[in-house]
Each structure stands twice: as structure tokens, then as C-alpha cells.
């Protein structure tokens, strides 16, 4: 099995052209993702062990992507259930509970879609786009 290279955390993921102010995906990260996909595909898929992160910085045994077993169980239950609620922690003066960066509206929004643009926040409800909320 080929080794999966660590991500290039030294590089910014998004680069912004100072003249046009247009954002673009950093080619360093793009290469890393392509190399990762090639490595996984070349081996017919690679088994990644999530249950033992003790060798990683900040990781200890029984963590899954730096979550505890209890948190991982809650995430799995929520992800597998259409009736589960997404309960976010309360916002604080230092951080919001939910952040939706500005982008473009979906071409064909469906009920429940939520997005923001520089004009404000939008949500699709009962076939109608509501917004901008400012």
C-alpha cells in the first residue's frame, strides 16, 4: 500500500488575486488532492484506520478525527437519521454557532437550501426564495 502524504498545511487553501479580488483554490492543495485520489485509486482503495490516532499530533487513542467515541456516536446517529436535529453550540462573543460564507445562489434551489451573498442571507421555503435577509 502506498503512503498517503500529509496535507500541505503550510500553504493557504485559497489564494486571492490582489488585483481582481477573485479567490482560487491553491494549486499546491489541488496537487495534494489529485495525488491522494491517485494513491487511493491505484490500490483499489486504501483502508484508513480512524480508531487509532495516537501517532498524530494532538490525537490520542479512541479519538476519531479528534472527536471522542461519544461524540462520534452522536455524529453517526445524526448522519444516519432523517429525523435527527442538528444542535449547534450557543454562539459566544468569540465565535458564531454557524458561519455560511458568501457565495453564489444555487442555480436551482430546493426547499431548505440556505446561502449568503454580499446582498444578504437567503433561504428557500415552500418553493419561494426568501431574502435577502440583512
N, C-alpha and C. Protein backbone atom coordinates (compact mmCIF):
# COMPACT_ATOMS: atom_id res chain seq x y z
N UNK A 1 0.85 -1.18 0.00
CA UNK A 1 0.00 0.00 0.00
C UNK A 1 0.89 1.24 0.00
N UNK A 2 0.56 2.19 -0.85
CA UNK A 2 1.34 3.43 -0.94
C UNK A 2 1.07 4.31 0.28
N UNK A 3 2.08 5.08 0.62
CA UNK A 3 1.92 6.01 1.74
C UNK A 3 1.11 7.22 1.29
N UNK A 4 0.23 7.65 2.16
CA UNK A 4 -0.53 8.87 1.91
C UNK A 4 0.26 10.02 2.51
N UNK A 5 0.59 10.98 1.69
CA UNK A 5 1.39 12.11 2.14
C UNK A 5 0.57 13.04 3.02
N UNK A 6 1.19 13.66 4.00
CA UNK A 6 0.44 14.60 4.85
C UNK A 6 0.00 15.81 4.03
N UNK A 7 -1.10 16.42 4.41
CA UNK A 7 -1.58 17.59 3.66
C UNK A 7 -0.62 18.76 3.81
N UNK A 8 -0.58 19.63 2.81
CA UNK A 8 0.34 20.78 2.84
C UNK A 8 -0.20 21.92 3.69
N UNK A 9 -0.27 21.70 5.00
CA UNK A 9 -0.86 22.69 5.89
C UNK A 9 -0.05 23.99 5.96
N UNK A 10 1.15 23.97 5.39
CA UNK A 10 1.96 25.19 5.35
C UNK A 10 1.42 26.18 4.31
N UNK A 11 0.56 25.72 3.40
CA UNK A 11 0.06 26.56 2.31
C UNK A 11 -1.39 26.94 2.57
N UNK A 12 -1.75 28.15 2.18
CA UNK A 12 -3.15 28.58 2.25
C UNK A 12 -3.97 27.75 1.27
N UNK A 13 -5.19 27.38 1.66
CA UNK A 13 -6.05 26.59 0.78
C UNK A 13 -6.58 27.45 -0.35
N UNK A 14 -6.93 28.67 -0.04
CA UNK A 14 -7.50 29.60 -1.02
C UNK A 14 -6.52 30.76 -1.22
N UNK A 15 -6.27 31.10 -2.47
CA UNK A 15 -5.45 32.25 -2.81
C UNK A 15 -6.35 33.33 -3.40
N UNK A 16 -6.09 34.58 -3.04
CA UNK A 16 -6.90 35.69 -3.54
C UNK A 16 -6.01 36.59 -4.40
N UNK A 17 -6.43 36.80 -5.65
CA UNK A 17 -5.73 37.71 -6.53
C UNK A 17 -5.94 39.12 -6.01
N UNK A 18 -4.88 39.79 -5.66
CA UNK A 18 -4.99 41.12 -5.05
C UNK A 18 -5.57 42.16 -6.02
N UNK A 19 -5.38 41.98 -7.31
CA UNK A 19 -5.91 42.94 -8.28
C UNK A 19 -7.39 42.73 -8.55
N UNK A 20 -7.78 41.47 -8.78
CA UNK A 20 -9.17 41.19 -9.14
C UNK A 20 -10.03 40.82 -7.94
N UNK A 21 -9.37 40.52 -6.80
CA UNK A 21 -10.04 40.07 -5.58
C UNK A 21 -10.76 38.73 -5.78
N UNK A 22 -10.41 38.00 -6.84
CA UNK A 22 -11.01 36.71 -7.12
C UNK A 22 -10.25 35.61 -6.37
N UNK A 23 -11.01 34.73 -5.72
CA UNK A 23 -10.41 33.63 -4.97
C UNK A 23 -10.25 32.41 -5.87
N UNK A 24 -9.19 31.65 -5.62
CA UNK A 24 -8.94 30.43 -6.38
C UNK A 24 -8.33 29.39 -5.44
N UNK A 25 -8.59 28.13 -5.75
CA UNK A 25 -8.04 27.02 -4.99
C UNK A 25 -6.54 26.96 -5.24
N UNK A 26 -5.76 26.84 -4.17
CA UNK A 26 -4.30 26.82 -4.27
C UNK A 26 -3.84 25.57 -5.03
N UNK A 27 -3.01 25.73 -6.08
CA UNK A 27 -2.53 24.57 -6.84
C UNK A 27 -1.75 23.55 -6.00
N UNK A 28 -1.12 24.00 -4.92
CA UNK A 28 -0.41 23.06 -4.03
C UNK A 28 -1.41 22.07 -3.42
N UNK A 29 -2.53 22.60 -2.96
CA UNK A 29 -3.56 21.74 -2.39
C UNK A 29 -4.21 20.89 -3.47
N UNK A 30 -4.45 21.45 -4.64
CA UNK A 30 -5.04 20.69 -5.73
C UNK A 30 -4.18 19.48 -6.06
N UNK A 31 -2.85 19.69 -6.15
CA UNK A 31 -1.94 18.59 -6.42
C UNK A 31 -2.03 17.53 -5.33
N UNK A 32 -2.11 17.97 -4.05
CA UNK A 32 -2.20 17.02 -2.96
C UNK A 32 -3.46 16.17 -3.09
N UNK A 33 -4.61 16.79 -3.40
CA UNK A 33 -5.85 16.04 -3.55
C UNK A 33 -5.78 15.07 -4.73
N UNK A 34 -5.20 15.51 -5.84
CA UNK A 34 -5.06 14.63 -7.00
C UNK A 34 -4.14 13.46 -6.67
N UNK A 35 -3.01 13.73 -6.01
CA UNK A 35 -2.11 12.66 -5.60
C UNK A 35 -2.80 11.69 -4.65
N UNK A 36 -3.60 12.22 -3.72
CA UNK A 36 -4.34 11.38 -2.78
C UNK A 36 -5.31 10.48 -3.53
N UNK A 37 -6.07 11.06 -4.46
CA UNK A 37 -7.03 10.27 -5.25
C UNK A 37 -6.30 9.20 -6.05
N UNK A 38 -5.17 9.54 -6.66
CA UNK A 38 -4.41 8.56 -7.43
C UNK A 38 -3.90 7.44 -6.54
N UNK A 39 -3.43 7.77 -5.35
CA UNK A 39 -2.94 6.75 -4.41
C UNK A 39 -4.07 5.82 -4.01
N UNK A 40 -5.23 6.38 -3.69
CA UNK A 40 -6.36 5.56 -3.29
C UNK A 40 -6.84 4.68 -4.44
N UNK A 41 -6.91 5.26 -5.64
CA UNK A 41 -7.38 4.50 -6.79
C UNK A 41 -6.39 3.43 -7.23
N UNK A 42 -5.10 3.71 -7.12
CA UNK A 42 -4.08 2.75 -7.55
C UNK A 42 -4.13 1.47 -6.74
N UNK A 43 -4.50 1.58 -5.49
CA UNK A 43 -4.55 0.41 -4.63
C UNK A 43 -5.93 -0.21 -4.56
N UNK A 44 -6.83 0.25 -5.42
CA UNK A 44 -8.20 -0.26 -5.34
C UNK A 44 -8.90 0.23 -4.10
N UNK A 45 -8.40 1.34 -3.58
CA UNK A 45 -8.92 1.88 -2.33
C UNK A 45 -7.93 1.60 -1.23
N UNK A 46 -7.82 2.48 -0.29
CA UNK A 46 -6.90 2.31 0.82
C UNK A 46 -7.68 2.33 2.11
N UNK A 47 -7.39 1.39 2.97
CA UNK A 47 -8.05 1.35 4.26
C UNK A 47 -7.38 2.36 5.19
N UNK A 48 -8.15 3.31 5.63
CA UNK A 48 -7.64 4.30 6.58
C UNK A 48 -8.15 3.91 7.97
N UNK A 49 -7.26 3.82 8.91
CA UNK A 49 -7.64 3.44 10.26
C UNK A 49 -7.92 4.70 11.06
N UNK A 50 -9.17 4.87 11.45
CA UNK A 50 -9.58 6.07 12.17
C UNK A 50 -9.58 5.87 13.67
N UNK A 51 -9.55 4.63 14.10
CA UNK A 51 -9.71 4.36 15.51
C UNK A 51 -8.45 4.53 16.34
N UNK A 52 -7.30 4.68 15.70
CA UNK A 52 -6.07 4.86 16.45
C UNK A 52 -5.31 6.05 15.91
N UNK A 53 -5.47 7.17 16.57
CA UNK A 53 -4.80 8.39 16.14
C UNK A 53 -3.68 8.75 17.09
N UNK A 54 -3.25 7.81 17.91
CA UNK A 54 -2.26 8.13 18.92
C UNK A 54 -0.93 8.60 18.34
N UNK A 55 -0.65 8.25 17.07
CA UNK A 55 0.60 8.68 16.45
C UNK A 55 0.54 10.08 15.87
N UNK A 56 -0.63 10.67 15.85
CA UNK A 56 -0.76 12.00 15.27
C UNK A 56 -0.68 13.07 16.36
N UNK A 57 -0.21 14.22 15.96
CA UNK A 57 -0.11 15.33 16.92
C UNK A 57 -1.51 15.71 17.40
N UNK A 58 -1.68 15.70 18.68
CA UNK A 58 -2.98 16.08 19.25
C UNK A 58 -3.95 14.92 19.35
N UNK A 59 -3.61 13.78 18.75
CA UNK A 59 -4.52 12.65 18.78
C UNK A 59 -4.17 11.68 19.89
N UNK A 60 -5.18 11.07 20.45
CA UNK A 60 -4.97 10.02 21.43
C UNK A 60 -5.86 8.84 21.06
N UNK A 61 -5.57 7.68 21.61
CA UNK A 61 -6.37 6.50 21.33
C UNK A 61 -7.83 6.77 21.63
N UNK A 62 -8.72 6.17 20.87
CA UNK A 62 -10.17 6.27 20.99
C UNK A 62 -10.72 7.59 20.46
N UNK A 63 -9.92 8.40 19.80
CA UNK A 63 -10.43 9.60 19.14
C UNK A 63 -10.68 9.29 17.67
N UNK A 64 -11.68 9.89 17.12
CA UNK A 64 -11.97 9.79 15.70
C UNK A 64 -11.94 11.19 15.15
N UNK A 65 -10.96 11.48 14.33
CA UNK A 65 -10.80 12.84 13.81
C UNK A 65 -10.90 13.85 14.95
N UNK A 66 -10.27 13.53 16.04
CA UNK A 66 -10.23 14.39 17.22
C UNK A 66 -11.60 14.61 17.84
N UNK A 67 -12.44 13.59 17.73
CA UNK A 67 -13.69 13.58 18.49
C UNK A 67 -13.62 12.37 19.41
N UNK A 68 -14.37 12.42 20.48
CA UNK A 68 -14.40 11.28 21.40
C UNK A 68 -15.36 10.23 20.84
N UNK A 69 -15.32 9.04 21.41
CA UNK A 69 -16.23 7.97 20.99
C UNK A 69 -17.68 8.43 21.15
N UNK A 70 -17.99 9.11 22.25
CA UNK A 70 -19.36 9.57 22.49
C UNK A 70 -19.78 10.58 21.42
N UNK A 71 -18.89 11.50 21.07
CA UNK A 71 -19.20 12.48 20.03
C UNK A 71 -19.37 11.79 18.68
N UNK A 72 -18.49 10.82 18.40
CA UNK A 72 -18.56 10.09 17.15
C UNK A 72 -19.88 9.33 17.02
N UNK A 73 -20.35 8.75 18.12
CA UNK A 73 -21.62 8.03 18.13
C UNK A 73 -22.77 8.99 17.83
N UNK A 74 -22.74 10.18 18.42
CA UNK A 74 -23.79 11.18 18.16
C UNK A 74 -23.77 11.62 16.71
N UNK A 75 -22.58 11.84 16.15
CA UNK A 75 -22.47 12.25 14.75
C UNK A 75 -23.02 11.16 13.84
N UNK A 76 -22.65 9.92 14.11
CA UNK A 76 -23.12 8.81 13.29
C UNK A 76 -24.64 8.67 13.37
N UNK A 77 -25.20 8.84 14.56
CA UNK A 77 -26.65 8.74 14.73
C UNK A 77 -27.36 9.86 13.98
N UNK A 78 -26.81 11.07 14.06
CA UNK A 78 -27.43 12.20 13.36
C UNK A 78 -27.34 12.01 11.86
N UNK A 79 -26.16 11.61 11.37
CA UNK A 79 -25.96 11.46 9.93
C UNK A 79 -26.82 10.36 9.35
N UNK A 80 -27.13 9.33 10.14
CA UNK A 80 -27.91 8.21 9.63
C UNK A 80 -29.40 8.34 9.83
N UNK A 81 -29.85 9.44 10.40
CA UNK A 81 -31.27 9.59 10.70
C UNK A 81 -31.84 10.83 10.04
N UNK A 82 -32.92 10.63 9.30
CA UNK A 82 -33.57 11.76 8.64
C UNK A 82 -34.37 12.61 9.62
N UNK A 83 -34.58 12.11 10.84
CA UNK A 83 -35.40 12.85 11.80
C UNK A 83 -34.56 13.53 12.87
N UNK A 84 -33.24 13.37 12.82
CA UNK A 84 -32.39 13.97 13.85
C UNK A 84 -32.25 15.47 13.62
N UNK A 85 -32.08 16.19 14.71
CA UNK A 85 -31.85 17.63 14.64
C UNK A 85 -30.36 17.92 14.70
N UNK A 86 -29.95 18.98 14.06
CA UNK A 86 -28.57 19.45 14.17
C UNK A 86 -28.55 20.49 15.27
N UNK A 87 -27.97 20.14 16.39
CA UNK A 87 -27.91 21.04 17.54
C UNK A 87 -26.52 21.63 17.61
N UNK A 88 -26.42 22.93 17.38
CA UNK A 88 -25.14 23.62 17.41
C UNK A 88 -24.94 24.26 18.76
N UNK A 89 -23.69 24.41 19.18
CA UNK A 89 -23.46 25.08 20.46
C UNK A 89 -23.88 26.54 20.37
N UNK A 90 -24.18 27.11 21.51
CA UNK A 90 -24.56 28.52 21.55
C UNK A 90 -23.39 29.38 21.10
N UNK A 91 -23.70 30.45 20.40
CA UNK A 91 -22.66 31.38 19.99
C UNK A 91 -22.08 32.11 21.19
N UNK A 92 -20.88 32.59 21.02
CA UNK A 92 -20.23 33.37 22.07
C UNK A 92 -19.73 34.67 21.45
N UNK A 93 -19.16 35.53 22.26
CA UNK A 93 -18.62 36.77 21.73
C UNK A 93 -17.42 36.50 20.83
N UNK A 94 -16.84 35.32 20.94
CA UNK A 94 -15.67 35.00 20.13
C UNK A 94 -15.96 34.21 18.87
N UNK A 95 -17.12 33.52 18.82
CA UNK A 95 -17.40 32.67 17.67
C UNK A 95 -18.92 32.49 17.51
N UNK A 96 -19.35 32.50 16.25
CA UNK A 96 -20.76 32.26 15.94
C UNK A 96 -21.04 30.76 15.93
N UNK A 97 -22.28 30.36 16.13
CA UNK A 97 -22.65 28.95 16.09
C UNK A 97 -22.56 28.39 14.68
N UNK A 98 -22.86 29.21 13.69
CA UNK A 98 -22.87 28.77 12.30
C UNK A 98 -22.36 29.90 11.42
N UNK A 99 -21.48 29.56 10.51
CA UNK A 99 -20.95 30.56 9.58
C UNK A 99 -21.16 30.04 8.17
N UNK A 100 -21.85 30.83 7.34
CA UNK A 100 -22.06 30.48 5.94
C UNK A 100 -21.38 31.57 5.11
N UNK A 101 -20.22 31.29 4.55
CA UNK A 101 -19.50 32.31 3.77
C UNK A 101 -20.30 32.73 2.53
N UNK A 102 -20.04 33.95 2.07
CA UNK A 102 -20.67 34.46 0.86
C UNK A 102 -20.29 33.60 -0.33
N UNK A 103 -21.23 33.42 -1.22
CA UNK A 103 -21.00 32.65 -2.44
C UNK A 103 -22.05 33.05 -3.46
N UNK A 104 -22.38 32.13 -4.31
CA UNK A 104 -23.39 32.37 -5.34
C UNK A 104 -24.64 31.56 -5.01
N UNK A 105 -25.77 32.06 -5.46
CA UNK A 105 -27.02 31.34 -5.24
C UNK A 105 -27.02 30.07 -6.08
N UNK A 106 -27.65 28.99 -5.57
CA UNK A 106 -27.75 27.79 -6.39
C UNK A 106 -28.59 28.06 -7.63
N UNK A 107 -28.23 27.43 -8.72
CA UNK A 107 -28.95 27.64 -9.98
C UNK A 107 -30.40 27.21 -9.84
N UNK A 108 -30.63 26.08 -9.20
CA UNK A 108 -31.98 25.57 -8.99
C UNK A 108 -32.14 25.23 -7.51
N UNK A 109 -32.44 26.23 -6.68
CA UNK A 109 -32.55 25.94 -5.25
C UNK A 109 -33.75 25.05 -4.96
N UNK A 110 -33.60 24.25 -3.90
CA UNK A 110 -34.70 23.41 -3.43
C UNK A 110 -35.02 23.81 -2.00
N UNK A 111 -36.20 23.45 -1.55
CA UNK A 111 -36.62 23.83 -0.20
C UNK A 111 -35.57 23.42 0.83
N UNK A 112 -35.23 24.35 1.70
CA UNK A 112 -34.25 24.12 2.74
C UNK A 112 -32.87 24.65 2.40
N UNK A 113 -32.60 24.92 1.12
CA UNK A 113 -31.29 25.48 0.75
C UNK A 113 -31.12 26.83 1.43
N UNK A 114 -29.93 27.06 1.95
CA UNK A 114 -29.59 28.29 2.62
C UNK A 114 -28.24 28.76 2.10
N UNK A 115 -28.12 30.05 1.75
CA UNK A 115 -26.86 30.57 1.24
C UNK A 115 -26.78 32.05 1.54
N UNK A 116 -25.57 32.58 1.40
CA UNK A 116 -25.39 34.02 1.56
C UNK A 116 -24.62 34.55 0.37
N UNK A 117 -24.90 35.81 0.06
CA UNK A 117 -24.14 36.57 -0.92
C UNK A 117 -23.83 37.91 -0.26
N UNK A 118 -23.15 38.77 -0.96
CA UNK A 118 -22.87 40.09 -0.38
C UNK A 118 -24.15 40.90 -0.18
N UNK A 119 -25.25 40.47 -0.81
CA UNK A 119 -26.53 41.17 -0.64
C UNK A 119 -27.23 40.77 0.66
N UNK A 120 -26.90 39.59 1.21
CA UNK A 120 -27.54 39.14 2.43
C UNK A 120 -27.69 37.63 2.45
N UNK A 121 -28.52 37.14 3.38
CA UNK A 121 -28.76 35.71 3.52
C UNK A 121 -30.07 35.35 2.83
N UNK A 122 -30.13 34.13 2.28
CA UNK A 122 -31.30 33.67 1.55
C UNK A 122 -31.64 32.26 2.01
N UNK A 123 -32.92 31.90 1.93
CA UNK A 123 -33.36 30.54 2.22
C UNK A 123 -34.54 30.22 1.31
N UNK A 124 -34.61 28.97 0.88
CA UNK A 124 -35.71 28.53 0.01
C UNK A 124 -36.73 27.83 0.88
N UNK A 125 -37.98 28.36 0.90
CA UNK A 125 -39.05 27.81 1.73
C UNK A 125 -40.30 27.67 0.88
N UNK A 126 -40.88 26.48 0.85
CA UNK A 126 -42.12 26.21 0.11
C UNK A 126 -42.06 26.73 -1.32
N UNK A 127 -40.92 26.49 -1.99
CA UNK A 127 -40.79 26.86 -3.40
C UNK A 127 -40.51 28.33 -3.63
N UNK A 128 -40.31 29.10 -2.57
CA UNK A 128 -40.06 30.53 -2.69
C UNK A 128 -38.75 30.87 -2.02
N UNK A 129 -37.92 31.65 -2.72
CA UNK A 129 -36.67 32.12 -2.11
C UNK A 129 -36.96 33.36 -1.28
N UNK A 130 -36.60 33.30 0.00
CA UNK A 130 -36.82 34.41 0.92
C UNK A 130 -35.47 35.10 1.13
N UNK A 131 -35.46 36.40 0.95
CA UNK A 131 -34.23 37.16 1.15
C UNK A 131 -34.12 38.26 0.12
N UNK A 132 -33.17 39.11 0.25
CA UNK A 132 -32.07 39.00 1.19
C UNK A 132 -32.45 39.42 2.61
N UNK A 133 -31.99 38.63 3.55
CA UNK A 133 -32.12 38.97 4.96
C UNK A 133 -30.86 39.71 5.34
N UNK A 134 -30.99 40.89 5.82
CA UNK A 134 -29.80 41.69 6.17
C UNK A 134 -29.88 42.15 7.59
